[in-house]
Amino acid sequence: MAVPAFTLTNGHKLPLVGLGTFTVTDENDLNEALEAGYRHFDTAAAYKNEHVIGQVLKSWFDSGKLKREDVFVTTKLNSDGVHPDLVEEHILKSLEQLQLDYIDLYLIHFPIYVKLEFVSGKALSAAEAQPTDHIAIWRKLEEQVELGRTKAIGVSNFNKDQVSRIVEVAKIRPAANEFELHVYLQQPELVKYLKANGILPISYFSLGNPGINNYLAKQGRPLRKTPTDLIDDPVVTKIASKHGKSSGQVLLKFLVQNNIAVIPKSSNPKRLRENLSLFDFTLDDEDVKLLTGLDKGEQGRRATMAYSQSVLDHPEYPFPRVPRDV
């Protein structure tokens, strides 16, 4: 079954279900996803895997199994490139790593310039945040569209105020905002604002990222007390049983049925296909009401991005500074 797509502000279509590739470095996993029917791949310079994705896509293009226009590739400006003087250098490096002539969607990964390395198995060094001028950076992103290096531009982890400041002055409006969004953290005001301005919400951690503590342990960072895994929530499991679907499918359907794109990550062949099979059932009004009622607000947030005190204290830190249980 073909995956429905959302038409971005530039007229290009983004499949509503894509593959998140954070920590994905195995070419076999990417080939499996392509075989399953995935045509949207979400990566980032910070993930250190653009070269792997580029090599796999090149092999498919060279074999004639796919054309470049058959695939939608999203990547992101790293946090240490969030400066107008660094945008061009970073996007050119991403294009080289991906072996592509253009990127479909290029996002500012985080609204603060911060020197930060994601290296598996190594502790993160102290992150020092720097002053950040979103408008100047956005102008540089607009230049990348004009130069043909990316078809669309957008943001990630930006709050409503940060997005609105860009919208007010943009020659090219943001096409999307990618941020944490799931039944425990629904952010209705941000979603409503984005939709009202033609900006696609893209959800990461759609399933709650149950493996977050495994990742933190590898980084040498403190583990988190997290809410019950979303897939085990009794409301979710009951709705899944009602429709003969998995809990994961219900969680993803709740989002895509509301025109929110999702990018779940999996290397399990069965689950890869399950995550695409969302369009042969519909959540009814009662299902939606029950799932909406699971929202925990800020207590449901799993990605605080609180890398250091200087990040937390930065005027552009995007999330509410509230006491959290997670």
C-alpha atoms as a PDB file:
ATOM      1  CA  MET A   1       0.000   0.000   0.000  1.00  0.00           C
ATOM      2  CA  ALA A   2       1.357   3.395  -1.007  1.00  0.00           C
ATOM      3  CA  VAL A   3       2.063   5.745   1.873  1.00  0.00           C
ATOM      4  CA  PRO A   4       0.040   8.981   1.695  1.00  0.00           C
ATOM      5  CA  ALA A   5       2.091  12.150   1.429  1.00  0.00           C
ATOM      6  CA  PHE A   6       1.802  15.704   2.712  1.00  0.00           C
ATOM      7  CA  THR A   7       2.303  18.492   0.188  1.00  0.00           C
ATOM      8  CA  LEU A   8       4.873  20.938   1.547  1.00  0.00           C
ATOM      9  CA  THR A   9       4.830  24.688   0.987  1.00  0.00           C
ATOM     10  CA  ASN A  10       7.106  24.246  -2.052  1.00  0.00           C
ATOM     11  CA  GLY A  11       4.741  21.718  -3.672  1.00  0.00           C
ATOM     12  CA  HIS A  12       6.940  18.703  -2.989  1.00  0.00           C
ATOM     13  CA  LYS A  13       5.408  15.688  -1.289  1.00  0.00           C
ATOM     14  CA  LEU A  14       6.743  14.216   1.965  1.00  0.00           C
ATOM     15  CA  PRO A  15       5.572  10.654   2.825  1.00  0.00           C
ATOM     16  CA  LEU A  16       3.704  10.723   6.144  1.00  0.00           C
ATOM     17  CA  VAL A  17       5.639   7.674   7.358  1.00  0.00           C
ATOM     18  CA  GLY A  18       9.415   7.727   7.113  1.00  0.00           C
ATOM     19  CA  LEU A  19      12.345   5.953   8.708  1.00  0.00           C
ATOM     20  CA  GLY A  20      14.155   7.599  11.581  1.00  0.00           C
ATOM     21  CA  THR A  21      17.836   6.701  11.336  1.00  0.00           C
ATOM     22  CA  PHE A  22      19.325   7.845  14.649  1.00  0.00           C
ATOM     23  CA  THR A  23      21.993   5.202  15.584  1.00  0.00           C
ATOM     24  CA  VAL A  24      21.379   3.314  12.294  1.00  0.00           C
ATOM     25  CA  THR A  25      24.707   2.381  10.706  1.00  0.00           C
ATOM     26  CA  ASP A  26      24.004  -1.029   9.144  1.00  0.00           C
ATOM     27  CA  GLU A  27      23.467  -0.982   5.373  1.00  0.00           C
ATOM     28  CA  ASN A  28      21.343  -4.124   5.695  1.00  0.00           C
ATOM     29  CA  ASP A  29      18.823  -2.261   7.871  1.00  0.00           C
ATOM     30  CA  LEU A  30      18.501   0.482   5.268  1.00  0.00           C
ATOM     31  CA  ASN A  31      18.173  -1.997   2.417  1.00  0.00           C
ATOM     32  CA  GLU A  32      15.475  -3.819   4.379  1.00  0.00           C
ATOM     33  CA  ALA A  33      13.591  -0.541   4.825  1.00  0.00           C
ATOM     34  CA  LEU A  34      13.794   0.235   1.116  1.00  0.00           C
ATOM     35  CA  GLU A  35      12.552  -3.264   0.279  1.00  0.00           C
ATOM     36  CA  ALA A  36       9.667  -2.758   2.718  1.00  0.00           C
ATOM     37  CA  GLY A  37       8.642   0.405   0.872  1.00  0.00           C
ATOM     38  CA  TYR A  38      10.148   3.274   2.870  1.00  0.00           C
ATOM     39  CA  ARG A  39      10.802   6.306   0.712  1.00  0.00           C
ATOM     40  CA  HIS A  40      11.441   8.986   3.353  1.00  0.00           C
ATOM     41  CA  PHE A  41      14.711   8.798   5.281  1.00  0.00           C
ATOM     42  CA  ASP A  42      15.326  11.170   8.174  1.00  0.00           C
ATOM     43  CA  THR A  43      18.956  11.645   9.170  1.00  0.00           C
ATOM     44  CA  ALA A  44      21.228  14.384  10.540  1.00  0.00           C
ATOM     45  CA  ALA A  45      24.878  15.344  10.540  1.00  0.00           C
ATOM     46  CA  ALA A  46      24.849  14.594  14.269  1.00  0.00           C
ATOM     47  CA  TYR A  47      23.912  10.955  13.627  1.00  0.00           C
ATOM     48  CA  LYS A  48      27.228  10.276  11.871  1.00  0.00           C
ATOM     49  CA  ASN A  49      25.522   8.040   9.306  1.00  0.00           C
ATOM     50  CA  GLU A  50      24.878  10.268   6.290  1.00  0.00           C
ATOM     51  CA  HIS A  51      27.655   8.459   4.408  1.00  0.00           C
ATOM     52  CA  VAL A  52      26.011   5.074   5.026  1.00  0.00           C
ATOM     53  CA  ILE A  53      22.634   6.297   3.810  1.00  0.00           C
ATOM     54  CA  GLY A  54      24.292   7.905   0.816  1.00  0.00           C
ATOM     55  CA  GLN A  55      26.048   4.695  -0.175  1.00  0.00           C
ATOM     56  CA  VAL A  56      22.879   2.605   0.083  1.00  0.00           C
ATOM     57  CA  LEU A  57      20.821   5.081  -1.922  1.00  0.00           C
ATOM     58  CA  LYS A  58      23.537   5.325  -4.573  1.00  0.00           C
ATOM     59  CA  SER A  59      23.507   1.561  -5.014  1.00  0.00           C
ATOM     60  CA  TRP A  60      19.740   1.627  -5.540  1.00  0.00           C
ATOM     61  CA  PHE A  61      19.984   4.518  -7.991  1.00  0.00           C
ATOM     62  CA  ASP A  62      22.849   2.887  -9.900  1.00  0.00           C
ATOM     63  CA  SER A  63      20.943  -0.400 -10.156  1.00  0.00           C
ATOM     64  CA  GLY A  64      17.914   1.351 -11.616  1.00  0.00           C
ATOM     65  CA  LYS A  65      15.629   0.157  -8.820  1.00  0.00           C
ATOM     66  CA  LEU A  66      14.932   3.752  -7.815  1.00  0.00           C
ATOM     67  CA  LYS A  67      15.312   7.230  -9.232  1.00  0.00           C
ATOM     68  CA  ARG A  68      16.450  10.169  -7.107  1.00  0.00           C
ATOM     69  CA  GLU A  69      12.972  11.701  -7.258  1.00  0.00           C
ATOM     70  CA  ASP A  70      11.482   8.508  -5.767  1.00  0.00           C
ATOM     71  CA  VAL A  71      13.154   9.152  -2.407  1.00  0.00           C
ATOM     72  CA  PHE A  72      12.706  11.982   0.104  1.00  0.00           C
ATOM     73  CA  VAL A  73      15.789  12.718   2.217  1.00  0.00           C
ATOM     74  CA  THR A  74      15.733  14.917   5.308  1.00  0.00           C
ATOM     75  CA  THR A  75      18.928  15.919   7.069  1.00  0.00           C
ATOM     76  CA  LYS A  76      19.807  18.587   9.593  1.00  0.00           C
ATOM     77  CA  LEU A  77      22.221  21.405  10.306  1.00  0.00           C
ATOM     78  CA  ASN A  78      24.280  20.286  13.284  1.00  0.00           C
ATOM     79  CA  SER A  79      24.161  22.298  16.498  1.00  0.00           C
ATOM     80  CA  ASP A  80      27.757  23.434  15.962  1.00  0.00           C
ATOM     81  CA  GLY A  81      26.719  24.877  12.600  1.00  0.00           C
ATOM     82  CA  VAL A  82      23.886  27.069  13.869  1.00  0.00           C
ATOM     83  CA  HIS A  83      25.656  30.248  12.813  1.00  0.00           C
ATOM     84  CA  PRO A  84      25.244  32.199   9.560  1.00  0.00           C
ATOM     85  CA  ASP A  85      28.931  31.822   8.687  1.00  0.00           C
ATOM     86  CA  LEU A  86      28.778  28.024   8.994  1.00  0.00           C
ATOM     87  CA  VAL A  87      25.573  27.015   7.178  1.00  0.00           C
ATOM     88  CA  GLU A  88      27.113  26.664   3.715  1.00  0.00           C
ATOM     89  CA  GLU A  89      30.046  24.598   4.980  1.00  0.00           C
ATOM     90  CA  HIS A  90      27.715  22.210   6.783  1.00  0.00           C
ATOM     91  CA  ILE A  91      25.192  21.680   3.996  1.00  0.00           C
ATOM     92  CA  LEU A  92      27.967  21.050   1.472  1.00  0.00           C
ATOM     93  CA  LYS A  93      29.446  18.425   3.773  1.00  0.00           C
ATOM     94  CA  SER A  94      26.048  16.736   4.127  1.00  0.00           C
ATOM     95  CA  LEU A  95      25.595  16.686   0.352  1.00  0.00           C
ATOM     96  CA  GLU A  96      29.025  15.120  -0.034  1.00  0.00           C
ATOM     97  CA  GLN A  97      28.339  12.480   2.624  1.00  0.00           C
ATOM     98  CA  LEU A  98      24.916  11.651   1.165  1.00  0.00           C
ATOM     99  CA  GLN A  99      26.295  11.617  -2.412  1.00  0.00           C
ATOM    100  CA  LEU A 100      23.329  13.709  -3.520  1.00  0.00           C
ATOM    101  CA  ASP A 101      22.965  16.775  -5.734  1.00  0.00           C
ATOM    102  CA  TYR A 102      20.253  18.146  -3.470  1.00  0.00           C
ATOM    103  CA  ILE A 103      18.532  17.512  -0.147  1.00  0.00           C
ATOM    104  CA  ASP A 104      14.738  17.385  -0.012  1.00  0.00           C
ATOM    105  CA  LEU A 105      14.370  18.974   3.430  1.00  0.00           C
ATOM    106  CA  TYR A 106      17.118  20.669   5.443  1.00  0.00           C
ATOM    107  CA  LEU A 107      16.311  21.453   9.077  1.00  0.00           C
ATOM    108  CA  ILE A 108      18.020  23.484  11.785  1.00  0.00           C
ATOM    109  CA  HIS A 109      18.456  20.639  14.274  1.00  0.00           C
ATOM    110  CA  PHE A 110      18.365  22.698  17.479  1.00  0.00           C
ATOM    111  CA  PRO A 111      17.733  26.419  18.075  1.00  0.00           C
ATOM    112  CA  ILE A 112      21.028  27.007  19.905  1.00  0.00           C
ATOM    113  CA  TYR A 113      24.601  27.049  18.636  1.00  0.00           C
ATOM    114  CA  VAL A 114      26.344  24.501  20.820  1.00  0.00           C
ATOM    115  CA  LYS A 115      29.461  22.423  20.321  1.00  0.00           C
ATOM    116  CA  LEU A 116      28.233  18.898  20.854  1.00  0.00           C
ATOM    117  CA  GLU A 117      29.278  15.478  19.637  1.00  0.00           C
ATOM    118  CA  PHE A 118      27.097  12.352  19.603  1.00  0.00           C
ATOM    119  CA  VAL A 119      29.636   9.534  19.791  1.00  0.00           C
ATOM    120  CA  SER A 120      28.365   6.105  20.749  1.00  0.00           C
ATOM    121  CA  GLY A 121      30.096   4.658  23.778  1.00  0.00           C
ATOM    122  CA  LYS A 122      31.708   7.914  24.883  1.00  0.00           C
ATOM    123  CA  ALA A 123      30.562  10.419  27.475  1.00  0.00           C
ATOM    124  CA  LEU A 124      29.521  13.832  26.210  1.00  0.00           C
ATOM    125  CA  SER A 125      31.840  16.678  27.064  1.00  0.00           C
ATOM    126  CA  ALA A 126      30.414  19.843  28.607  1.00  0.00           C
ATOM    127  CA  ALA A 127      28.341  21.692  26.028  1.00  0.00           C
ATOM    128  CA  GLU A 128      28.954  25.422  25.815  1.00  0.00           C
ATOM    129  CA  ALA A 129      26.135  27.390  24.199  1.00  0.00           C
ATOM    130  CA  GLN A 130      26.783  30.530  22.153  1.00  0.00           C
ATOM    131  CA  PRO A 131      24.625  33.505  21.083  1.00  0.00           C
ATOM    132  CA  THR A 132      22.269  32.525  18.268  1.00  0.00           C
ATOM    133  CA  ASP A 133      20.589  34.719  15.624  1.00  0.00           C
ATOM    134  CA  HIS A 134      17.760  32.724  14.035  1.00  0.00           C
ATOM    135  CA  ILE A 135      16.894  35.320  11.416  1.00  0.00           C
ATOM    136  CA  ALA A 136      20.459  35.592  10.113  1.00  0.00           C
ATOM    137  CA  ILE A 137      20.709  31.805  10.005  1.00  0.00           C
ATOM    138  CA  TRP A 138      17.368  31.529   8.215  1.00  0.00           C
ATOM    139  CA  ARG A 139      18.555  33.935   5.525  1.00  0.00           C
ATOM    140  CA  LYS A 140      21.487  31.591   4.887  1.00  0.00           C
ATOM    141  CA  LEU A 141      19.112  28.626   4.629  1.00  0.00           C
ATOM    142  CA  GLU A 142      17.011  30.535   2.111  1.00  0.00           C
ATOM    143  CA  GLU A 143      20.184  31.019   0.059  1.00  0.00           C
ATOM    144  CA  GLN A 144      20.671  27.246  -0.009  1.00  0.00           C
ATOM    145  CA  VAL A 145      17.234  26.838  -1.585  1.00  0.00           C
ATOM    146  CA  GLU A 146      18.035  29.512  -4.167  1.00  0.00           C
ATOM    147  CA  LEU A 147      21.313  27.710  -4.955  1.00  0.00           C
ATOM    148  CA  GLY A 148      19.481  24.406  -5.479  1.00  0.00           C
ATOM    149  CA  ARG A 149      21.186  22.599  -2.608  1.00  0.00           C
ATOM    150  CA  THR A 150      17.920  21.838  -0.821  1.00  0.00           C
ATOM    151  CA  LYS A 151      14.327  21.837  -2.026  1.00  0.00           C
ATOM    152  CA  ALA A 152      12.825  22.868   1.311  1.00  0.00           C
ATOM    153  CA  ILE A 153      13.981  24.207   4.665  1.00  0.00           C
ATOM    154  CA  GLY A 154      12.606  23.954   8.167  1.00  0.00           C
ATOM    155  CA  VAL A 155      13.390  23.642  11.838  1.00  0.00           C
ATOM    156  CA  SER A 156      13.572  21.030  14.573  1.00  0.00           C
ATOM    157  CA  ASN A 157      12.974  21.382  18.314  1.00  0.00           C
ATOM    158  CA  PHE A 158      11.765  24.968  17.868  1.00  0.00           C
ATOM    159  CA  ASN A 159       8.942  26.284  20.031  1.00  0.00           C
ATOM    160  CA  LYS A 160       6.000  28.364  18.801  1.00  0.00           C
ATOM    161  CA  ASP A 161       7.625  31.745  19.495  1.00  0.00           C
ATOM    162  CA  GLN A 162      10.827  30.747  17.716  1.00  0.00           C
ATOM    163  CA  VAL A 163       8.942  29.525  14.649  1.00  0.00           C
ATOM    164  CA  SER A 164       6.716  32.612  14.551  1.00  0.00           C
ATOM    165  CA  ARG A 165       9.701  34.977  14.542  1.00  0.00           C
ATOM    166  CA  ILE A 166      10.977  33.247  11.413  1.00  0.00           C
ATOM    167  CA  VAL A 167       7.539  33.139   9.767  1.00  0.00           C
ATOM    168  CA  GLU A 168       7.133  36.908  10.215  1.00  0.00           C
ATOM    169  CA  VAL A 169      10.213  37.741   8.125  1.00  0.00           C
ATOM    170  CA  ALA A 170      10.794  34.689   5.925  1.00  0.00           C
ATOM    171  CA  LYS A 171      11.008  34.943   2.154  1.00  0.00           C
ATOM    172  CA  ILE A 172      10.750  31.148   2.167  1.00  0.00           C
ATOM    173  CA  ARG A 173       8.568  29.860   4.982  1.00  0.00           C
ATOM    174  CA  PRO A 174       9.561  26.844   7.056  1.00  0.00           C
ATOM    175  CA  ALA A 175       8.172  23.700   5.452  1.00  0.00           C
ATOM    176  CA  ALA A 176       8.257  21.639   8.649  1.00  0.00           C
ATOM    177  CA  ASN A 177       9.083  21.536  12.340  1.00  0.00           C
ATOM    178  CA  GLU A 178      10.344  18.203  13.655  1.00  0.00           C
ATOM    179  CA  PHE A 179       9.927  17.795  17.405  1.00  0.00           C
ATOM    180  CA  GLU A 180       9.018  15.331  20.138  1.00  0.00           C
ATOM    181  CA  LEU A 181       5.352  14.464  19.775  1.00  0.00           C
ATOM    182  CA  HIS A 182       3.403  11.449  21.044  1.00  0.00           C
ATOM    183  CA  VAL A 183       0.331  10.638  23.130  1.00  0.00           C
ATOM    184  CA  TYR A 184       2.102  11.604  26.373  1.00  0.00           C
ATOM    185  CA  LEU A 185       3.390  14.914  24.918  1.00  0.00           C
ATOM    186  CA  GLN A 186       0.828  16.234  22.433  1.00  0.00           C
ATOM    187  CA  GLN A 187       1.701  19.970  22.372  1.00  0.00           C
ATOM    188  CA  PRO A 188      -1.672  21.015  20.889  1.00  0.00           C
ATOM    189  CA  GLU A 189      -0.927  24.762  20.771  1.00  0.00           C
ATOM    190  CA  LEU A 190       2.274  24.258  18.779  1.00  0.00           C
ATOM    191  CA  VAL A 191       0.594  21.787  16.411  1.00  0.00           C
ATOM    192  CA  LYS A 192      -2.343  24.154  15.855  1.00  0.00           C
ATOM    193  CA  TYR A 193      -0.017  27.079  15.098  1.00  0.00           C
ATOM    194  CA  LEU A 194       2.068  25.068  12.637  1.00  0.00           C
ATOM    195  CA  LYS A 195      -0.959  23.814  10.739  1.00  0.00           C
ATOM    196  CA  ALA A 196      -2.496  27.285  10.601  1.00  0.00           C
ATOM    197  CA  ASN A 197       0.691  28.462   8.880  1.00  0.00           C
ATOM    198  CA  GLY A 198       1.018  25.538   6.473  1.00  0.00           C
ATOM    199  CA  ILE A 199       3.985  24.051   8.351  1.00  0.00           C
ATOM    200  CA  LEU A 200       4.086  20.259   8.636  1.00  0.00           C
ATOM    201  CA  PRO A 201       4.549  18.856  12.152  1.00  0.00           C
ATOM    202  CA  ILE A 202       6.936  15.885  12.079  1.00  0.00           C
ATOM    203  CA  SER A 203       6.919  13.703  15.181  1.00  0.00           C
ATOM    204  CA  TYR A 204       9.990  12.059  16.609  1.00  0.00           C
ATOM    205  CA  PHE A 205       9.762   9.668  19.559  1.00  0.00           C
ATOM    206  CA  SER A 206       6.288   8.802  18.229  1.00  0.00           C
ATOM    207  CA  LEU A 207       6.448   5.558  20.220  1.00  0.00           C
ATOM    208  CA  GLY A 208       8.021   7.242  23.241  1.00  0.00           C
ATOM    209  CA  ASN A 209      11.555   5.979  22.555  1.00  0.00           C
ATOM    210  CA  PRO A 210      11.483   3.059  25.016  1.00  0.00           C
ATOM    211  CA  GLY A 211      15.206   2.510  24.413  1.00  0.00           C
ATOM    212  CA  ILE A 212      16.267   5.962  25.609  1.00  0.00           C
ATOM    213  CA  ASN A 213      18.010   4.692  28.745  1.00  0.00           C
ATOM    214  CA  ASN A 214      20.079   2.208  26.725  1.00  0.00           C
ATOM    215  CA  TYR A 215      21.333   5.130  24.657  1.00  0.00           C
ATOM    216  CA  LEU A 216      22.036   7.296  27.707  1.00  0.00           C
ATOM    217  CA  ALA A 217      23.973   4.466  29.348  1.00  0.00           C
ATOM    218  CA  LYS A 218      26.226   4.177  26.274  1.00  0.00           C
ATOM    219  CA  GLN A 219      26.855   7.926  26.473  1.00  0.00           C
ATOM    220  CA  GLY A 220      27.821   7.720  30.136  1.00  0.00           C
ATOM    221  CA  ARG A 221      24.906   9.994  31.017  1.00  0.00           C
ATOM    222  CA  PRO A 222      22.427   9.669  33.920  1.00  0.00           C
ATOM    223  CA  LEU A 223      19.461   7.412  33.259  1.00  0.00           C
ATOM    224  CA  ARG A 224      15.964   8.848  33.384  1.00  0.00           C
ATOM    225  CA  LYS A 225      12.914   7.878  35.291  1.00  0.00           C
ATOM    226  CA  THR A 226      10.508   7.635  32.361  1.00  0.00           C
ATOM    227  CA  PRO A 227       6.759   7.172  32.269  1.00  0.00           C
ATOM    228  CA  THR A 228       5.349   3.744  31.498  1.00  0.00           C
ATOM    229  CA  ASP A 229       6.243   2.772  27.949  1.00  0.00           C
ATOM    230  CA  LEU A 230       3.558   4.093  25.649  1.00  0.00           C
ATOM    231  CA  ILE A 231       3.128   0.740  23.937  1.00  0.00           C
ATOM    232  CA  ASP A 232       2.196  -0.834  27.282  1.00  0.00           C
ATOM    233  CA  ASP A 233      -0.347   1.807  28.276  1.00  0.00           C
ATOM    234  CA  PRO A 234      -3.680   0.017  28.975  1.00  0.00           C
ATOM    235  CA  VAL A 235      -5.644   2.540  26.903  1.00  0.00           C
ATOM    236  CA  VAL A 236      -3.366   1.946  23.921  1.00  0.00           C
ATOM    237  CA  THR A 237      -3.375  -1.850  24.228  1.00  0.00           C
ATOM    238  CA  LYS A 238      -7.183  -1.932  24.485  1.00  0.00           C
ATOM    239  CA  ILE A 239      -7.603   0.154  21.329  1.00  0.00           C
ATOM    240  CA  ALA A 240      -5.017  -1.991  19.550  1.00  0.00           C
ATOM    241  CA  SER A 241      -6.937  -5.153  20.464  1.00  0.00           C
ATOM    242  CA  LYS A 242     -10.179  -3.584  19.239  1.00  0.00           C
ATOM    243  CA  HIS A 243      -8.707  -2.943  15.777  1.00  0.00           C
ATOM    244  CA  GLY A 244      -6.551  -6.062  15.553  1.00  0.00           C
ATOM    245  CA  LYS A 245      -3.435  -3.912  15.369  1.00  0.00           C
ATOM    246  CA  SER A 246      -0.274  -3.526  17.422  1.00  0.00           C
ATOM    247  CA  SER A 247       0.106  -0.811  20.049  1.00  0.00           C
ATOM    248  CA  GLY A 248       2.783   0.799  17.897  1.00  0.00           C
ATOM    249  CA  GLN A 249       0.410   1.022  14.945  1.00  0.00           C
ATOM    250  CA  VAL A 250      -2.216   2.718  17.121  1.00  0.00           C
ATOM    251  CA  LEU A 251       0.304   5.267  18.423  1.00  0.00           C
ATOM    252  CA  LEU A 252       1.467   6.094  14.901  1.00  0.00           C
ATOM    253  CA  LYS A 253      -2.058   6.159  13.494  1.00  0.00           C
ATOM    254  CA  PHE A 254      -3.109   8.681  16.148  1.00  0.00           C
ATOM    255  CA  LEU A 255      -0.562  11.070  14.646  1.00  0.00           C
ATOM    256  CA  VAL A 256      -0.845  10.432  10.904  1.00  0.00           C
ATOM    257  CA  GLN A 257      -4.650  10.527  11.099  1.00  0.00           C
ATOM    258  CA  ASN A 258      -4.126  14.105  12.292  1.00  0.00           C
ATOM    259  CA  ASN A 259      -1.797  14.907   9.354  1.00  0.00           C
ATOM    260  CA  ILE A 260       1.350  14.669  11.456  1.00  0.00           C
ATOM    261  CA  ALA A 261       4.284  12.900   9.812  1.00  0.00           C
ATOM    262  CA  VAL A 262       6.095  10.173  11.758  1.00  0.00           C
ATOM    263  CA  ILE A 263       9.618   8.755  11.497  1.00  0.00           C
ATOM    264  CA  PRO A 264       9.716   5.616  13.685  1.00  0.00           C
ATOM    265  CA  LYS A 265      13.016   3.753  13.883  1.00  0.00           C
ATOM    266  CA  SER A 266      13.247  -0.026  13.673  1.00  0.00           C
ATOM    267  CA  SER A 267      15.629  -2.658  12.353  1.00  0.00           C
ATOM    268  CA  ASN A 268      13.090  -5.459  12.835  1.00  0.00           C
ATOM    269  CA  PRO A 269      11.734  -6.485   9.386  1.00  0.00           C
ATOM    270  CA  LYS A 270       8.280  -7.332  10.759  1.00  0.00           C
ATOM    271  CA  ARG A 271       8.003  -4.052  12.643  1.00  0.00           C
ATOM    272  CA  LEU A 272       9.293  -2.061   9.673  1.00  0.00           C
ATOM    273  CA  ARG A 273       6.355  -3.316   7.636  1.00  0.00           C
ATOM    274  CA  GLU A 274       3.917  -2.912  10.518  1.00  0.00           C
ATOM    275  CA  ASN A 275       4.850   0.740  10.866  1.00  0.00           C
ATOM    276  CA  LEU A 276       3.916   1.334   7.226  1.00  0.00           C
ATOM    277  CA  SER A 277       0.594  -0.518   7.525  1.00  0.00           C
ATOM    278  CA  LEU A 278      -1.415   2.294   9.063  1.00  0.00           C
ATOM    279  CA  PHE A 279      -3.865   3.114   6.318  1.00  0.00           C
ATOM    280  CA  ASP A 280      -6.293   0.189   6.363  1.00  0.00           C
ATOM    281  CA  PHE A 281      -8.027   1.224   9.590  1.00  0.00           C
ATOM    282  CA  THR A 282      -9.356   4.382  11.219  1.00  0.00           C
ATOM    283  CA  LEU A 283      -9.448   5.431  14.849  1.00  0.00           C
ATOM    284  CA  ASP A 284     -13.005   6.422  15.746  1.00  0.00           C
ATOM    285  CA  ASP A 285     -14.015   9.437  17.812  1.00  0.00           C
ATOM    286  CA  GLU A 286     -13.963   7.469  21.062  1.00  0.00           C
ATOM    287  CA  ASP A 287     -10.467   6.137  20.317  1.00  0.00           C
ATOM    288  CA  VAL A 288      -9.203   9.644  19.616  1.00  0.00           C
ATOM    289  CA  LYS A 289     -10.820  10.994  22.782  1.00  0.00           C
ATOM    290  CA  LEU A 290      -9.197   8.301  24.929  1.00  0.00           C
ATOM    291  CA  LEU A 291      -5.770   8.775  23.359  1.00  0.00           C
ATOM    292  CA  THR A 292      -6.001  12.558  23.637  1.00  0.00           C
ATOM    293  CA  GLY A 293      -6.698  12.082  27.333  1.00  0.00           C
ATOM    294  CA  LEU A 294      -3.275  10.454  27.818  1.00  0.00           C
ATOM    295  CA  ASP A 295      -1.432  13.768  27.370  1.00  0.00           C
ATOM    296  CA  LYS A 296       0.900  14.420  30.331  1.00  0.00           C
ATOM    297  CA  GLY A 297       2.153  17.779  29.104  1.00  0.00           C
ATOM    298  CA  GLU A 298       5.755  18.550  30.031  1.00  0.00           C
ATOM    299  CA  GLN A 299       5.915  15.516  32.334  1.00  0.00           C
ATOM    300  CA  GLY A 300       5.695  13.388  29.199  1.00  0.00           C
ATOM    301  CA  ARG A 301       8.773  14.928  27.556  1.00  0.00           C
ATOM    302  CA  ARG A 302      11.674  12.531  27.086  1.00  0.00           C
ATOM    303  CA  ALA A 303      14.155  14.692  25.165  1.00  0.00           C
ATOM    304  CA  THR A 304      14.988  17.748  27.281  1.00  0.00           C
ATOM    305  CA  MET A 305      18.216  18.494  25.365  1.00  0.00           C
ATOM    306  CA  ALA A 306      19.629  19.698  28.698  1.00  0.00           C
ATOM    307  CA  TYR A 307      23.225  19.058  27.696  1.00  0.00           C
ATOM    308  CA  SER A 308      24.705  21.598  30.110  1.00  0.00           C
ATOM    309  CA  GLN A 309      23.771  24.502  32.348  1.00  0.00           C
ATOM    310  CA  SER A 310      24.760  26.952  29.619  1.00  0.00           C
ATOM    311  CA  VAL A 311      22.215  25.317  27.303  1.00  0.00           C
ATOM    312  CA  LEU A 312      19.499  25.454  29.971  1.00  0.00           C
ATOM    313  CA  ASP A 313      20.285  29.099  30.695  1.00  0.00           C
ATOM    314  CA  HIS A 314      20.377  30.138  27.032  1.00  0.00           C
ATOM    315  CA  PRO A 315      17.617  32.612  26.050  1.00  0.00           C
ATOM    316  CA  GLU A 316      16.749  30.361  23.093  1.00  0.00           C
ATOM    317  CA  TYR A 317      16.392  27.151  25.129  1.00  0.00           C
ATOM    318  CA  PRO A 318      13.154  25.938  23.516  1.00  0.00           C
ATOM    319  CA  PHE A 319      11.375  24.009  26.266  1.00  0.00           C
ATOM    320  CA  PRO A 320       9.614  25.155  29.446  1.00  0.00           C
ATOM    321  CA  ARG A 321      11.951  25.201  32.438  1.00  0.00           C
ATOM    322  CA  VAL A 322       9.738  23.213  34.781  1.00  0.00           C
ATOM    323  CA  PRO A 323      10.456  20.502  37.371  1.00  0.00           C
ATOM    324  CA  ARG A 324      10.157  17.131  35.668  1.00  0.00           C
ATOM    325  CA  ASP A 325       9.659  13.589  36.837  1.00  0.00           C
ATOM    326  CA  VAL A 326      11.404  12.334  33.684  1.00  0.00           C
END
